[in-house]
Amino acid sequence: MYHKVPFKIIVLNIFLVFFPIIVEQYNESSTEFIWFLHLIPIYFAIYYLSLSRALVFSILTILLHFSWEFGESIHTSEIQYHDIQIFISTTVMKILAILATNFLTTQIKQKQHNLEEANQQLQLQTKDLEYFAYNDYLTGLPNRYMLNRHLSTEINQRNEQELAVLSLDLDRFKMVNDTKGHGAGDELLQLVSKLLKQLVRPRDIVSRQGGDEFIILLKGSGKRESKQMGQQILNEFSNPFFLSDEELFITPSIGISLYPRDGAKADSLIKNADKAMYLAKEKGKNNFQFYTSKLDSSLEQKMVLEQALRKVIENKELVLYYQPQIELITDEIIGVEALLRWNHPDMGLISPLEFIPLAEETGLIIPIGKWVIETACKQTKKWHEKGFTSLHTSVNVSVRQFNDPYFVNYIIEVLSKTGLEPKYLTIEITESIMNNTKKSLNIINQLKGIGIKISIDDFGTGYSSLSVLNELPIDYLKIDQSFIKDHETNSNKNALVKAIIQMGQNLNFELVAEGIENEKQINILKNYQCGFGQGYFYSPPLSVNKVERLFQEMHLKTNENIIFRVP
């Protein structure tokens, strides 16, 4: 890279070309000194011109000096051959010096240019690092560090004036990643970020904390304003998001903390808003909750429960109970549903409603689910060896477990290890698994190829479409107990139960009614030709020893046409 020649340099160089001649004319200086003066314009030529132009300029400068010397010698009739020798030798040396100097100068300039470019890139990278140190890379929103800075500043400037912190978490976001892919998940997060920024005022802050969690800082807002914002967010989320022209519905759970009531520091306000958000999830998701001090004890208990849950398999605290499934026409036991229980050494039996969601949330459902499948298959094989050869066992599988890439291989491994024939194992899945029909169909077909039966559990509580059900190779459809309860006295429920049974029959599914509580319900279900049922009318979930006694009792008394019921 060569510099653009400024006009003042051109004028200066012209002067310097003739300056040695002027000095020699008026001052008797040595030849070597005069030649040194000629190097000054040559230097400027090297610095400002390209190599070829610098050489031409330098040679012309030297020839100008030589012509002057030669002209002076002719005028005085004194030709100094010694001067000519000096001129020739010094000219060659000067040209070599010019070439060497030009080469070195070019190298230096190139290195300077490279350093300048590297410095510019470093400055840009530094700016990027500074930006992403305080902003989220995916959405461009402020991250947790920037939010903490803003929130701390606001607290210091508020002088006890109110502000609100909203912690928002997307419900079932992991299912979007699992079924649609992480690209779709990222796109959804960007759309959510854009929506939240549109909903708040310019002075408010929307921050992404990581994953699918967002924090909203409402400046100068109290309980009334934050409640309005929470409801507005819920209303907006009732509309679908469009991912590549595909509709997707997702709901938020929102927790709200208020300054100064719920905390005097940024960390405590965010932490308490998170606690309220978890309460919103526990209350069914798609709602908002305010922080209260009572949450501290319940969340502390949840943390204790989580730590204990991580050791349940190692400590052998898990146990399976079995609820009989009855053929309604014959009153015979045809199978059992394996139901998980946690027998904690200090807290006793812990309800699945309490620890299963926690296992789902923490990912512990994968190892726990594997334990359930292996234990149920081992026990069923033992029952077969004891003479209950036609008994089959149903095992519930969570969405997370079902989408595990090693799920099918694990089932094959367990069947091989236990020696249980695949036809005696039924995998129960929920309607929510059908969100990704293509993937679910692939897994179901693999299981069916092995010989395993498939059951849709809690049918009627999800969002299954009839077209999807028609595509799936399902064996059983389990009618949720919410439909069975009081259906004998509630005409609307009764109509729904009848419609579900007729639909299942038309699709060639076997129907299983859950939650049967009285004989009148059984008679109605028989009348609608529902094939199977289970519930407390027949038996609650029982331990292995108790359910074995029930097998024997039901077998004996069924022959006498007497229904056995556990009080």
Protein backbone atom coordinates (compact mmCIF):
# COMPACT_ATOMS: atom_id res chain seq x y z
CA MET A 1 0.00 0.00 0.00
CA TYR A 2 1.48 3.35 -1.08
CA HIS A 3 0.45 6.74 0.23
CA LYS A 4 -1.39 9.28 -1.84
CA VAL A 5 1.11 12.06 -2.69
CA PRO A 6 0.09 15.36 -1.06
CA PHE A 7 0.57 18.52 -3.12
CA LYS A 8 2.96 20.07 -0.57
CA ILE A 9 5.19 16.98 -0.83
CA ILE A 10 5.34 17.38 -4.63
CA VAL A 11 6.42 21.02 -4.26
CA LEU A 12 8.94 20.10 -1.54
CA ASN A 13 10.40 17.30 -3.64
CA ILE A 14 10.87 19.56 -6.67
CA PHE A 15 12.72 22.00 -4.43
CA LEU A 16 14.87 19.23 -2.95
CA VAL A 17 15.83 17.97 -6.42
CA PHE A 18 17.47 21.29 -7.23
CA PHE A 19 18.62 22.06 -3.68
CA PRO A 20 21.96 20.13 -3.99
CA ILE A 21 22.82 22.04 -7.17
CA ILE A 22 22.12 25.35 -5.44
CA VAL A 23 24.26 24.33 -2.46
CA GLU A 24 27.11 23.26 -4.72
CA GLN A 25 26.86 26.52 -6.71
CA TYR A 26 27.16 28.81 -3.74
CA ASN A 27 29.03 26.64 -1.32
CA GLU A 28 32.13 24.58 -2.01
CA SER A 29 30.97 21.32 -0.50
CA SER A 30 32.38 17.84 -1.04
CA THR A 31 30.93 15.61 -3.74
CA GLU A 32 29.91 13.05 -1.14
CA PHE A 33 27.87 15.66 0.74
CA ILE A 34 26.15 16.75 -2.47
CA TRP A 35 25.27 13.14 -3.24
CA PHE A 36 23.87 12.78 0.28
CA LEU A 37 21.59 15.76 -0.36
CA HIS A 38 20.30 13.96 -3.44
CA LEU A 39 19.20 11.08 -1.23
CA ILE A 40 16.55 13.28 0.41
CA PRO A 41 14.23 13.57 -2.65
CA ILE A 42 15.02 9.93 -3.46
CA TYR A 43 13.74 8.94 -0.01
CA PHE A 44 10.48 10.82 -0.57
CA ALA A 45 10.14 9.07 -3.93
CA ILE A 46 10.55 5.66 -2.30
CA TYR A 47 8.03 6.47 0.41
CA TYR A 48 5.31 7.93 -1.77
CA LEU A 49 5.75 6.18 -5.14
CA SER A 50 5.69 2.60 -6.38
CA LEU A 51 8.99 0.80 -7.05
CA SER A 52 9.18 1.50 -10.79
CA ARG A 53 8.27 5.17 -10.40
CA ALA A 54 10.71 5.58 -7.53
CA LEU A 55 13.53 4.12 -9.65
CA VAL A 56 12.75 6.39 -12.58
CA PHE A 57 12.55 9.43 -10.34
CA SER A 58 15.80 8.56 -8.56
CA ILE A 59 17.72 7.92 -11.81
CA LEU A 60 16.44 11.20 -13.27
CA THR A 61 17.55 13.00 -10.12
CA ILE A 62 21.03 11.46 -10.34
CA LEU A 63 21.27 12.21 -14.08
CA LEU A 64 20.29 15.80 -13.37
CA HIS A 65 23.20 16.08 -10.96
CA PHE A 66 25.56 14.36 -13.42
CA SER A 67 24.45 16.69 -16.25
CA TRP A 68 25.13 19.67 -14.06
CA GLU A 69 28.58 18.35 -13.12
CA PHE A 70 29.38 17.42 -16.70
CA GLY A 71 28.18 20.82 -17.93
CA GLU A 72 30.36 22.58 -15.38
CA SER A 73 33.36 20.48 -16.42
CA ILE A 74 32.90 21.36 -20.14
CA HIS A 75 32.45 25.06 -19.28
CA THR A 76 35.71 25.12 -17.35
CA SER A 77 37.41 22.68 -19.76
CA GLU A 78 38.12 20.53 -16.78
CA ILE A 79 36.70 17.04 -16.99
CA GLN A 80 37.30 15.31 -13.70
CA TYR A 81 37.50 11.60 -14.58
CA HIS A 82 37.76 10.88 -10.91
CA ASP A 83 34.33 12.47 -10.41
CA ILE A 84 32.91 10.36 -13.23
CA GLN A 85 34.17 7.20 -11.54
CA ILE A 86 32.68 8.33 -8.28
CA PHE A 87 29.40 9.10 -10.03
CA ILE A 88 29.18 5.69 -11.72
CA SER A 89 30.06 3.72 -8.59
CA THR A 90 27.82 5.75 -6.32
CA THR A 91 24.95 5.57 -8.84
CA VAL A 92 25.09 1.78 -8.84
CA MET A 93 25.27 1.75 -5.05
CA LYS A 94 22.39 4.19 -4.81
CA ILE A 95 20.22 2.12 -7.14
CA LEU A 96 20.96 -1.00 -5.08
CA ALA A 97 20.25 0.96 -1.92
CA ILE A 98 17.00 2.20 -3.43
CA LEU A 99 15.95 -1.36 -4.31
CA ALA A 100 16.85 -2.69 -0.86
CA THR A 101 15.26 0.24 0.92
CA ASN A 102 12.14 -0.02 -1.20
CA PHE A 103 11.83 -3.75 -0.51
CA LEU A 104 12.25 -3.26 3.22
CA THR A 105 9.90 -0.30 3.21
CA THR A 106 7.28 -2.36 1.34
CA GLN A 107 7.61 -5.19 3.86
CA ILE A 108 7.32 -2.79 6.76
CA LYS A 109 4.28 -1.11 5.22
CA GLN A 110 2.65 -4.49 4.57
CA LYS A 111 3.23 -5.54 8.17
CA GLN A 112 1.88 -2.20 9.36
CA HIS A 113 -1.18 -2.74 7.19
CA ASN A 114 -1.65 -6.27 8.54
CA LEU A 115 -1.30 -4.99 12.08
CA GLU A 116 -3.87 -2.28 11.39
CA GLU A 117 -6.32 -4.88 10.00
CA ALA A 118 -5.68 -7.21 12.95
CA ASN A 119 -6.22 -4.31 15.31
CA GLN A 120 -9.50 -3.43 13.61
CA GLN A 121 -10.68 -7.07 13.82
CA LEU A 122 -9.63 -7.19 17.46
CA GLN A 123 -11.60 -4.03 18.15
CA LEU A 124 -14.67 -5.50 16.43
CA GLN A 125 -14.30 -8.77 18.36
CA THR A 126 -13.89 -6.81 21.58
CA LYS A 127 -17.10 -4.93 20.82
CA ASP A 128 -18.87 -8.24 20.11
CA LEU A 129 -17.58 -9.73 23.36
CA GLU A 130 -18.70 -6.65 25.26
CA TYR A 131 -22.13 -6.86 23.61
CA PHE A 132 -22.67 -10.58 24.25
CA ALA A 133 -21.36 -10.24 27.79
CA TYR A 134 -24.55 -8.31 28.56
CA ASN A 135 -26.95 -9.42 25.78
CA ASP A 136 -28.43 -12.74 24.76
CA TYR A 137 -26.89 -14.12 21.57
CA LEU A 138 -30.17 -15.58 20.22
CA THR A 139 -32.73 -12.86 20.92
CA GLY A 140 -30.56 -9.77 21.44
CA LEU A 141 -32.34 -9.15 24.76
CA PRO A 142 -30.40 -8.12 27.87
CA ASN A 143 -29.09 -11.18 29.70
CA ARG A 144 -29.11 -11.87 33.44
CA TYR A 145 -26.02 -9.73 34.07
CA MET A 146 -27.47 -6.69 32.32
CA LEU A 147 -30.81 -7.23 34.07
CA ASN A 148 -29.11 -7.39 37.48
CA ARG A 149 -27.30 -4.13 36.68
CA HIS A 150 -30.54 -2.39 35.61
CA LEU A 151 -32.50 -3.79 38.53
CA SER A 152 -29.85 -2.80 41.08
CA THR A 153 -29.71 0.70 39.60
CA GLU A 154 -33.50 1.00 39.75
CA ILE A 155 -33.58 -0.15 43.38
CA ASN A 156 -30.93 2.39 44.35
CA GLN A 157 -32.84 5.19 42.62
CA ARG A 158 -36.37 4.21 43.65
CA ASN A 159 -36.31 5.31 47.29
CA GLU A 160 -38.92 2.67 48.21
CA GLN A 161 -41.04 3.39 45.10
CA GLU A 162 -42.63 0.25 43.66
CA LEU A 163 -41.39 -1.85 40.78
CA ALA A 164 -42.35 -5.36 39.66
CA VAL A 165 -40.34 -8.35 38.48
CA LEU A 166 -42.10 -10.97 36.33
CA SER A 167 -40.49 -14.38 35.81
CA LEU A 168 -41.94 -16.10 32.73
CA ASP A 169 -41.28 -19.71 31.72
CA LEU A 170 -42.70 -21.42 28.63
CA ASP A 171 -44.74 -24.53 29.47
CA ARG A 172 -43.69 -27.76 27.76
CA PHE A 173 -41.01 -25.97 25.77
CA LYS A 174 -38.82 -29.06 25.83
CA MET A 175 -41.53 -30.87 23.91
CA VAL A 176 -41.14 -28.31 21.11
CA ASN A 177 -37.40 -29.04 20.94
CA ASP A 178 -37.98 -32.79 21.10
CA THR A 179 -40.71 -32.92 18.48
CA LYS A 180 -39.97 -29.98 16.16
CA GLY A 181 -36.20 -29.68 16.59
CA HIS A 182 -33.94 -27.12 18.25
CA GLY A 183 -34.14 -24.82 15.22
CA ALA A 184 -37.89 -24.49 15.74
CA GLY A 185 -37.29 -23.97 19.44
CA ASP A 186 -34.88 -21.10 18.74
CA GLU A 187 -37.35 -19.55 16.30
CA LEU A 188 -40.10 -19.75 18.92
CA LEU A 189 -37.88 -18.04 21.51
CA GLN A 190 -37.22 -15.20 19.06
CA LEU A 191 -40.95 -14.79 18.40
CA VAL A 192 -41.70 -14.79 22.12
CA SER A 193 -38.99 -12.18 22.70
CA LYS A 194 -40.46 -9.95 20.01
CA LEU A 195 -43.97 -10.30 21.46
CA LEU A 196 -42.88 -9.47 25.01
CA LYS A 197 -40.98 -6.38 23.85
CA GLN A 198 -44.13 -5.19 22.07
CA LEU A 199 -46.23 -5.64 25.19
CA VAL A 200 -44.09 -3.64 27.62
CA ARG A 201 -43.49 0.10 27.74
CA PRO A 202 -40.28 1.57 26.28
CA ARG A 203 -38.91 2.19 29.78
CA ASP A 204 -39.47 -1.41 30.89
CA ILE A 205 -36.95 -4.21 30.31
CA VAL A 206 -37.42 -7.70 28.88
CA SER A 207 -34.52 -10.05 29.58
CA ARG A 208 -33.80 -13.63 28.65
CA GLN A 209 -32.34 -15.51 31.58
CA GLY A 210 -31.49 -18.62 29.57
CA GLY A 211 -33.38 -21.54 28.07
CA ASP A 212 -37.07 -20.69 27.92
CA GLU A 213 -37.09 -18.33 30.91
CA PHE A 214 -37.62 -14.58 30.61
CA ILE A 215 -37.60 -11.79 33.19
CA ILE A 216 -39.63 -8.61 32.76
CA LEU A 217 -38.83 -5.50 34.82
CA LEU A 218 -41.78 -3.14 35.11
CA LYS A 219 -40.56 0.21 36.38
CA GLY A 220 -42.85 2.22 38.62
CA SER A 221 -45.40 -0.60 38.76
CA GLY A 222 -47.18 -2.21 41.68
CA LYS A 223 -49.53 -5.14 42.11
CA ARG A 224 -52.32 -3.71 39.96
CA GLU A 225 -50.08 -2.91 36.97
CA SER A 226 -48.19 -6.20 37.17
CA LYS A 227 -51.45 -8.12 37.38
CA GLN A 228 -52.69 -6.34 34.26
CA MET A 229 -49.45 -7.18 32.46
CA GLY A 230 -49.64 -10.83 33.53
CA GLN A 231 -53.17 -11.13 32.19
CA GLN A 232 -52.26 -9.33 28.97
CA ILE A 233 -49.41 -11.78 28.38
CA LEU A 234 -51.71 -14.76 28.95
CA ASN A 235 -54.24 -13.28 26.50
CA GLU A 236 -51.60 -12.78 23.80
CA PHE A 237 -50.27 -16.31 24.25
CA SER A 238 -53.74 -17.69 23.52
CA ASN A 239 -52.99 -16.85 19.89
CA PRO A 240 -50.81 -19.25 17.88
CA PHE A 241 -47.19 -18.65 16.94
CA PHE A 242 -46.28 -19.37 13.33
CA LEU A 243 -43.12 -21.38 12.77
CA SER A 244 -42.45 -21.69 9.04
CA ASP A 245 -46.18 -21.28 8.33
CA GLU A 246 -47.04 -23.94 10.93
CA GLU A 247 -49.26 -23.01 13.88
CA LEU A 248 -47.91 -23.71 17.34
CA PHE A 249 -49.65 -23.01 20.64
CA ILE A 250 -47.64 -22.60 23.81
CA THR A 251 -48.52 -21.22 27.22
CA PRO A 252 -46.51 -19.33 29.85
CA SER A 253 -46.31 -19.70 33.61
CA ILE A 254 -45.62 -16.36 35.29
CA GLY A 255 -44.40 -15.49 38.77
CA ILE A 256 -44.43 -11.94 40.14
CA SER A 257 -42.47 -10.31 42.94
CA LEU A 258 -42.79 -6.67 44.04
CA TYR A 259 -40.25 -4.18 45.37
CA PRO A 260 -39.87 -3.39 48.22
CA ARG A 261 -42.40 -5.86 49.66
CA ASP A 262 -40.78 -9.08 48.39
CA GLY A 263 -37.12 -8.14 48.48
CA ALA A 264 -34.68 -5.26 48.79
CA LYS A 265 -32.04 -6.61 46.39
CA ALA A 266 -32.05 -7.69 42.76
CA ASP A 267 -31.16 -11.32 43.51
CA SER A 268 -33.92 -11.77 46.07
CA LEU A 269 -36.56 -10.21 43.79
CA ILE A 270 -35.63 -12.49 40.88
CA LYS A 271 -35.44 -15.55 43.15
CA ASN A 272 -38.87 -14.84 44.64
CA ALA A 273 -40.39 -14.23 41.21
CA ASP A 274 -39.02 -17.66 40.20
CA LYS A 275 -40.63 -19.24 43.24
CA ALA A 276 -43.98 -17.74 42.28
CA MET A 277 -43.49 -19.00 38.72
CA TYR A 278 -43.00 -22.56 39.95
CA LEU A 279 -46.20 -22.19 41.95
CA ALA A 280 -47.97 -21.20 38.72
CA LYS A 281 -46.70 -24.40 37.10
CA GLU A 282 -47.89 -26.49 40.04
CA LYS A 283 -51.35 -24.90 39.70
CA GLY A 284 -51.75 -26.17 36.16
CA LYS A 285 -49.55 -23.82 34.15
CA ASN A 286 -50.83 -20.99 31.91
CA ASN A 287 -51.46 -18.63 34.86
CA PHE A 288 -49.65 -16.08 37.00
CA GLN A 289 -49.00 -16.10 40.73
CA PHE A 290 -47.64 -13.55 43.20
CA TYR A 291 -44.87 -14.41 45.61
CA THR A 292 -45.79 -15.06 49.23
CA SER A 293 -43.53 -16.01 52.11
CA LYS A 294 -45.31 -19.38 52.36
CA LEU A 295 -43.58 -20.44 49.15
CA ASP A 296 -40.20 -20.60 50.87
CA SER A 297 -41.08 -23.64 52.98
CA SER A 298 -42.77 -25.52 50.11
CA LEU A 299 -39.84 -24.92 47.75
CA GLU A 300 -37.40 -25.96 50.42
CA GLN A 301 -39.36 -29.18 50.77
CA LYS A 302 -39.24 -29.61 46.99
CA MET A 303 -35.46 -29.28 47.04
CA VAL A 304 -35.23 -31.89 49.79
CA LEU A 305 -37.51 -34.14 47.76
CA GLU A 306 -35.39 -33.71 44.64
CA GLN A 307 -32.20 -34.64 46.47
CA ALA A 308 -33.87 -37.73 47.89
CA LEU A 309 -35.33 -38.61 44.48
CA ARG A 310 -31.82 -38.83 43.02
CA LYS A 311 -31.06 -41.77 45.32
CA VAL A 312 -34.33 -43.72 45.22
CA ILE A 313 -33.05 -46.49 42.96
CA GLU A 314 -29.77 -46.81 44.82
CA ASN A 315 -31.58 -46.90 48.17
CA LYS A 316 -34.27 -49.29 46.85
CA GLU A 317 -37.10 -47.01 47.92
CA LEU A 318 -39.23 -47.47 44.78
CA VAL A 319 -41.96 -50.08 44.71
CA LEU A 320 -44.58 -51.11 42.15
CA TYR A 321 -48.24 -51.59 43.00
CA TYR A 322 -50.55 -53.36 40.58
CA GLN A 323 -54.19 -52.57 39.81
CA PRO A 324 -56.16 -55.41 38.16
CA GLN A 325 -57.80 -54.89 34.78
CA ILE A 326 -61.06 -56.76 34.38
CA GLU A 327 -62.94 -58.13 31.40
CA LEU A 328 -66.37 -56.66 32.13
CA ILE A 329 -68.45 -59.47 30.61
CA THR A 330 -66.70 -62.34 32.40
CA ASP A 331 -65.48 -60.47 35.53
CA GLU A 332 -62.08 -62.12 35.05
CA ILE A 333 -58.70 -60.48 35.58
CA ILE A 334 -56.93 -60.26 32.23
CA GLY A 335 -54.01 -58.06 33.30
CA VAL A 336 -52.64 -55.41 35.64
CA GLU A 337 -51.43 -51.84 35.40
CA ALA A 338 -48.09 -51.24 37.11
CA LEU A 339 -48.23 -48.09 39.23
CA LEU A 340 -45.16 -46.55 40.80
CA ARG A 341 -44.94 -45.69 44.50
CA TRP A 342 -42.13 -44.10 46.50
CA ASN A 343 -41.71 -45.50 49.99
CA HIS A 344 -39.51 -42.88 51.68
CA PRO A 345 -37.90 -44.05 54.96
CA ASP A 346 -38.93 -40.85 56.79
CA MET A 347 -41.89 -39.44 54.83
CA GLY A 348 -43.57 -42.75 54.11
CA LEU A 349 -45.47 -43.35 50.86
CA ILE A 350 -45.18 -40.28 48.62
CA SER A 351 -47.89 -39.67 46.04
CA PRO A 352 -46.90 -40.01 42.38
CA LEU A 353 -48.66 -36.69 41.77
CA GLU A 354 -45.97 -35.15 43.96
CA PHE A 355 -42.78 -36.78 42.67
CA ILE A 356 -43.51 -37.77 39.04
CA PRO A 357 -43.68 -34.11 37.82
CA LEU A 358 -40.42 -33.48 39.69
CA ALA A 359 -38.84 -36.50 38.02
CA GLU A 360 -40.01 -35.20 34.63
CA GLU A 361 -38.62 -31.75 35.35
CA THR A 362 -35.21 -33.00 36.47
CA GLY A 363 -34.81 -35.74 33.84
CA LEU A 364 -34.76 -38.44 36.54
CA ILE A 365 -37.82 -39.96 34.86
CA ILE A 366 -35.49 -41.74 32.40
CA PRO A 367 -33.63 -43.95 34.92
CA ILE A 368 -36.76 -44.32 37.07
CA GLY A 369 -38.82 -45.28 34.01
CA LYS A 370 -36.24 -47.92 33.07
CA TRP A 371 -36.45 -49.37 36.57
CA VAL A 372 -40.27 -49.55 36.31
CA ILE A 373 -40.22 -51.38 32.97
CA GLU A 374 -37.62 -53.93 34.07
CA THR A 375 -39.27 -54.55 37.44
CA ALA A 376 -42.74 -54.97 35.88
CA CYS A 377 -41.42 -57.37 33.24
CA LYS A 378 -39.56 -59.47 35.85
CA GLN A 379 -42.68 -59.70 38.03
CA THR A 380 -44.95 -60.61 35.12
CA LYS A 381 -42.56 -63.40 34.12
CA LYS A 382 -42.65 -64.71 37.72
CA TRP A 383 -46.47 -64.75 37.64
CA HIS A 384 -46.40 -66.70 34.40
CA GLU A 385 -44.11 -69.23 36.02
CA LYS A 386 -46.60 -69.50 38.93
CA GLY A 387 -49.39 -70.46 36.56
CA PHE A 388 -51.00 -67.09 35.67
CA THR A 389 -49.87 -67.63 32.10
CA SER A 390 -52.29 -65.29 30.28
CA LEU A 391 -51.64 -62.24 32.46
CA HIS A 392 -50.35 -59.09 30.75
CA THR A 393 -48.94 -55.92 32.33
CA SER A 394 -49.41 -52.28 31.31
CA VAL A 395 -46.65 -49.77 32.01
CA ASN A 396 -47.02 -45.99 31.75
CA VAL A 397 -44.35 -44.18 29.74
CA SER A 398 -43.76 -40.43 29.90
CA VAL A 399 -43.23 -38.21 26.86
CA ARG A 400 -39.61 -37.68 27.82
CA GLN A 401 -39.03 -41.39 28.19
CA PHE A 402 -40.86 -42.21 24.96
CA ASN A 403 -38.70 -39.72 23.00
CA ASP A 404 -35.46 -41.09 24.44
CA PRO A 405 -33.45 -42.32 21.40
CA TYR A 406 -32.55 -45.54 23.27
CA PHE A 407 -36.11 -46.29 24.42
CA VAL A 408 -36.92 -49.09 21.95
CA ASN A 409 -33.51 -50.71 22.35
CA TYR A 410 -33.95 -50.71 26.10
CA ILE A 411 -37.34 -52.42 25.80
CA ILE A 412 -35.78 -55.13 23.62
CA GLU A 413 -32.94 -55.56 26.11
CA VAL A 414 -35.34 -55.90 29.08
CA LEU A 415 -37.54 -58.46 27.30
CA SER A 416 -34.47 -60.49 26.41
CA LYS A 417 -33.09 -60.24 29.95
CA THR A 418 -36.35 -61.20 31.69
CA GLY A 419 -37.55 -63.74 29.14
CA LEU A 420 -41.02 -62.16 28.95
CA GLU A 421 -42.83 -62.57 25.65
CA PRO A 422 -43.50 -59.12 24.07
CA LYS A 423 -47.25 -59.79 23.66
CA TYR A 424 -47.67 -59.68 27.45
CA LEU A 425 -46.33 -56.11 27.73
CA THR A 426 -48.52 -53.06 27.00
CA ILE A 427 -46.95 -49.60 26.77
CA GLU A 428 -49.33 -46.82 27.82
CA ILE A 429 -48.72 -43.40 26.29
CA THR A 430 -50.62 -40.13 26.61
CA GLU A 431 -52.21 -38.10 23.84
CA SER A 432 -49.53 -35.41 24.16
CA ILE A 433 -47.03 -37.79 22.54
CA MET A 434 -49.03 -37.35 19.35
CA ASN A 435 -47.76 -33.76 18.91
CA ASN A 436 -45.13 -35.15 16.55
CA THR A 437 -47.12 -37.76 14.68
CA LYS A 438 -44.32 -38.80 12.32
CA LYS A 439 -41.80 -39.48 15.09
CA SER A 440 -44.38 -41.11 17.36
CA LEU A 441 -45.63 -43.35 14.54
CA ASN A 442 -42.08 -44.51 13.86
CA ILE A 443 -41.51 -45.49 17.51
CA ILE A 444 -44.94 -47.15 17.82
CA ASN A 445 -44.32 -49.17 14.66
CA GLN A 446 -41.00 -50.36 16.07
CA LEU A 447 -42.71 -51.46 19.28
CA LYS A 448 -45.52 -53.15 17.36
CA GLY A 449 -42.93 -54.90 15.21
CA ILE A 450 -41.51 -56.45 18.36
CA GLY A 451 -44.99 -57.63 19.38
CA ILE A 452 -45.72 -55.11 22.15
CA LYS A 453 -49.23 -53.72 22.57
CA ILE A 454 -49.92 -49.96 22.65
CA SER A 455 -52.53 -48.15 24.74
CA ILE A 456 -53.58 -44.47 24.73
CA ASP A 457 -53.99 -43.47 28.38
CA ASP A 458 -56.34 -40.78 29.75
CA PHE A 459 -58.09 -40.45 26.41
CA GLY A 460 -60.28 -37.38 26.14
CA THR A 461 -58.07 -35.09 28.23
CA GLY A 462 -55.60 -34.19 25.46
CA TYR A 463 -55.77 -32.94 21.90
CA SER A 464 -55.80 -36.07 19.76
CA SER A 465 -57.45 -35.66 16.39
CA LEU A 466 -59.46 -38.52 14.92
CA SER A 467 -57.33 -38.49 11.76
CA VAL A 468 -54.20 -39.06 13.86
CA LEU A 469 -55.83 -41.87 15.86
CA ASN A 470 -56.83 -43.54 12.61
CA GLU A 471 -53.18 -43.61 11.49
CA LEU A 472 -51.75 -45.12 14.67
CA PRO A 473 -51.63 -48.91 15.21
CA ILE A 474 -53.16 -48.74 18.71
CA ASP A 475 -54.55 -51.71 20.61
CA TYR A 476 -56.30 -50.08 23.59
CA LEU A 477 -58.03 -46.76 24.24
CA LYS A 478 -58.36 -45.96 27.96
CA ILE A 479 -61.29 -43.66 28.81
CA ASP A 480 -60.16 -41.17 31.44
CA GLN A 481 -61.75 -41.55 34.86
CA SER A 482 -63.02 -37.95 34.73
CA PHE A 483 -65.58 -39.16 32.16
CA ILE A 484 -66.48 -42.32 34.09
CA LYS A 485 -67.01 -40.52 37.40
CA ASP A 486 -70.75 -39.72 37.85
CA HIS A 487 -71.46 -40.57 34.21
CA GLU A 488 -74.40 -42.72 35.39
CA THR A 489 -76.11 -39.57 36.74
CA ASN A 490 -74.68 -36.94 34.37
CA SER A 491 -76.31 -37.12 30.94
CA ASN A 492 -73.59 -35.09 29.23
CA LYS A 493 -70.81 -37.32 30.56
CA ASN A 494 -72.85 -40.37 29.70
CA ALA A 495 -73.22 -39.17 26.11
CA LEU A 496 -69.48 -38.53 25.87
CA VAL A 497 -68.62 -42.00 27.21
CA LYS A 498 -70.99 -43.60 24.71
CA ALA A 499 -69.50 -41.57 21.85
CA ILE A 500 -65.91 -42.48 22.82
CA ILE A 501 -66.78 -46.18 23.01
CA GLN A 502 -68.53 -46.13 19.63
CA MET A 503 -65.61 -44.24 18.05
CA GLY A 504 -63.11 -46.74 19.49
CA GLN A 505 -65.14 -49.64 18.20
CA ASN A 506 -65.30 -48.09 14.73
CA LEU A 507 -61.51 -47.71 14.77
CA ASN A 508 -61.10 -51.33 15.98
CA PHE A 509 -59.66 -50.34 19.37
CA GLU A 510 -60.30 -52.24 22.59
CA LEU A 511 -61.84 -49.91 25.22
CA VAL A 512 -60.74 -49.76 28.85
CA ALA A 513 -62.74 -47.66 31.34
CA GLU A 514 -60.72 -46.19 34.23
CA GLY A 515 -61.99 -45.23 37.68
CA ILE A 516 -64.99 -47.58 37.98
CA GLU A 517 -66.59 -47.03 41.40
CA ASN A 518 -69.95 -48.80 41.42
CA GLU A 519 -71.96 -51.56 39.79
CA LYS A 520 -74.30 -49.15 38.01
CA GLN A 521 -71.36 -47.77 36.06
CA ILE A 522 -70.38 -51.32 35.10
CA ASN A 523 -73.87 -52.09 33.79
CA ILE A 524 -73.90 -48.94 31.63
CA LEU A 525 -70.42 -49.72 30.26
CA LYS A 526 -71.47 -53.30 29.51
CA ASN A 527 -74.54 -51.98 27.73
CA TYR A 528 -72.29 -49.77 25.57
CA GLN A 529 -70.10 -52.85 24.92
CA CYS A 530 -67.01 -51.48 26.62
CA GLY A 531 -64.66 -54.46 26.88
CA PHE A 532 -62.52 -53.80 29.95
CA GLY A 533 -62.34 -51.71 33.09
CA GLN A 534 -60.43 -51.00 36.27
CA GLY A 535 -61.11 -49.05 39.42
CA TYR A 536 -61.64 -49.20 43.15
CA PHE A 537 -64.90 -51.11 42.70
CA TYR A 538 -62.77 -54.11 41.76
CA SER A 539 -59.56 -53.30 43.57
CA PRO A 540 -57.22 -50.44 44.43
CA PRO A 541 -53.54 -50.75 43.44
CA LEU A 542 -52.04 -53.57 45.52
CA SER A 543 -48.62 -54.83 46.50
CA VAL A 544 -47.28 -57.99 44.83
CA ASN A 545 -48.35 -60.33 47.63
CA LYS A 546 -51.86 -58.90 47.90
CA VAL A 547 -52.50 -58.89 44.17
CA GLU A 548 -51.38 -62.54 43.95
CA ARG A 549 -53.97 -63.47 46.59
CA LEU A 550 -56.54 -61.54 44.57
CA PHE A 551 -55.62 -63.55 41.45
CA GLN A 552 -56.37 -66.76 43.33
CA GLU A 553 -59.58 -65.44 44.92
CA MET A 554 -60.94 -64.01 41.68
CA HIS A 555 -60.08 -67.19 39.82
CA LEU A 556 -61.97 -69.35 42.38
CA LYS A 557 -64.96 -67.08 42.85
CA THR A 558 -65.31 -66.20 39.19
CA ASN A 559 -66.09 -69.88 38.62
CA GLU A 560 -68.95 -69.41 41.09
CA ASN A 561 -70.07 -66.22 39.26
CA ILE A 562 -69.28 -64.07 42.29
CA ILE A 563 -67.45 -60.76 41.86
CA PHE A 564 -64.63 -60.34 44.37
CA ARG A 565 -64.25 -56.83 45.76
CA VAL A 566 -61.61 -55.52 48.13
CA PRO A 567 -63.25 -53.47 50.92
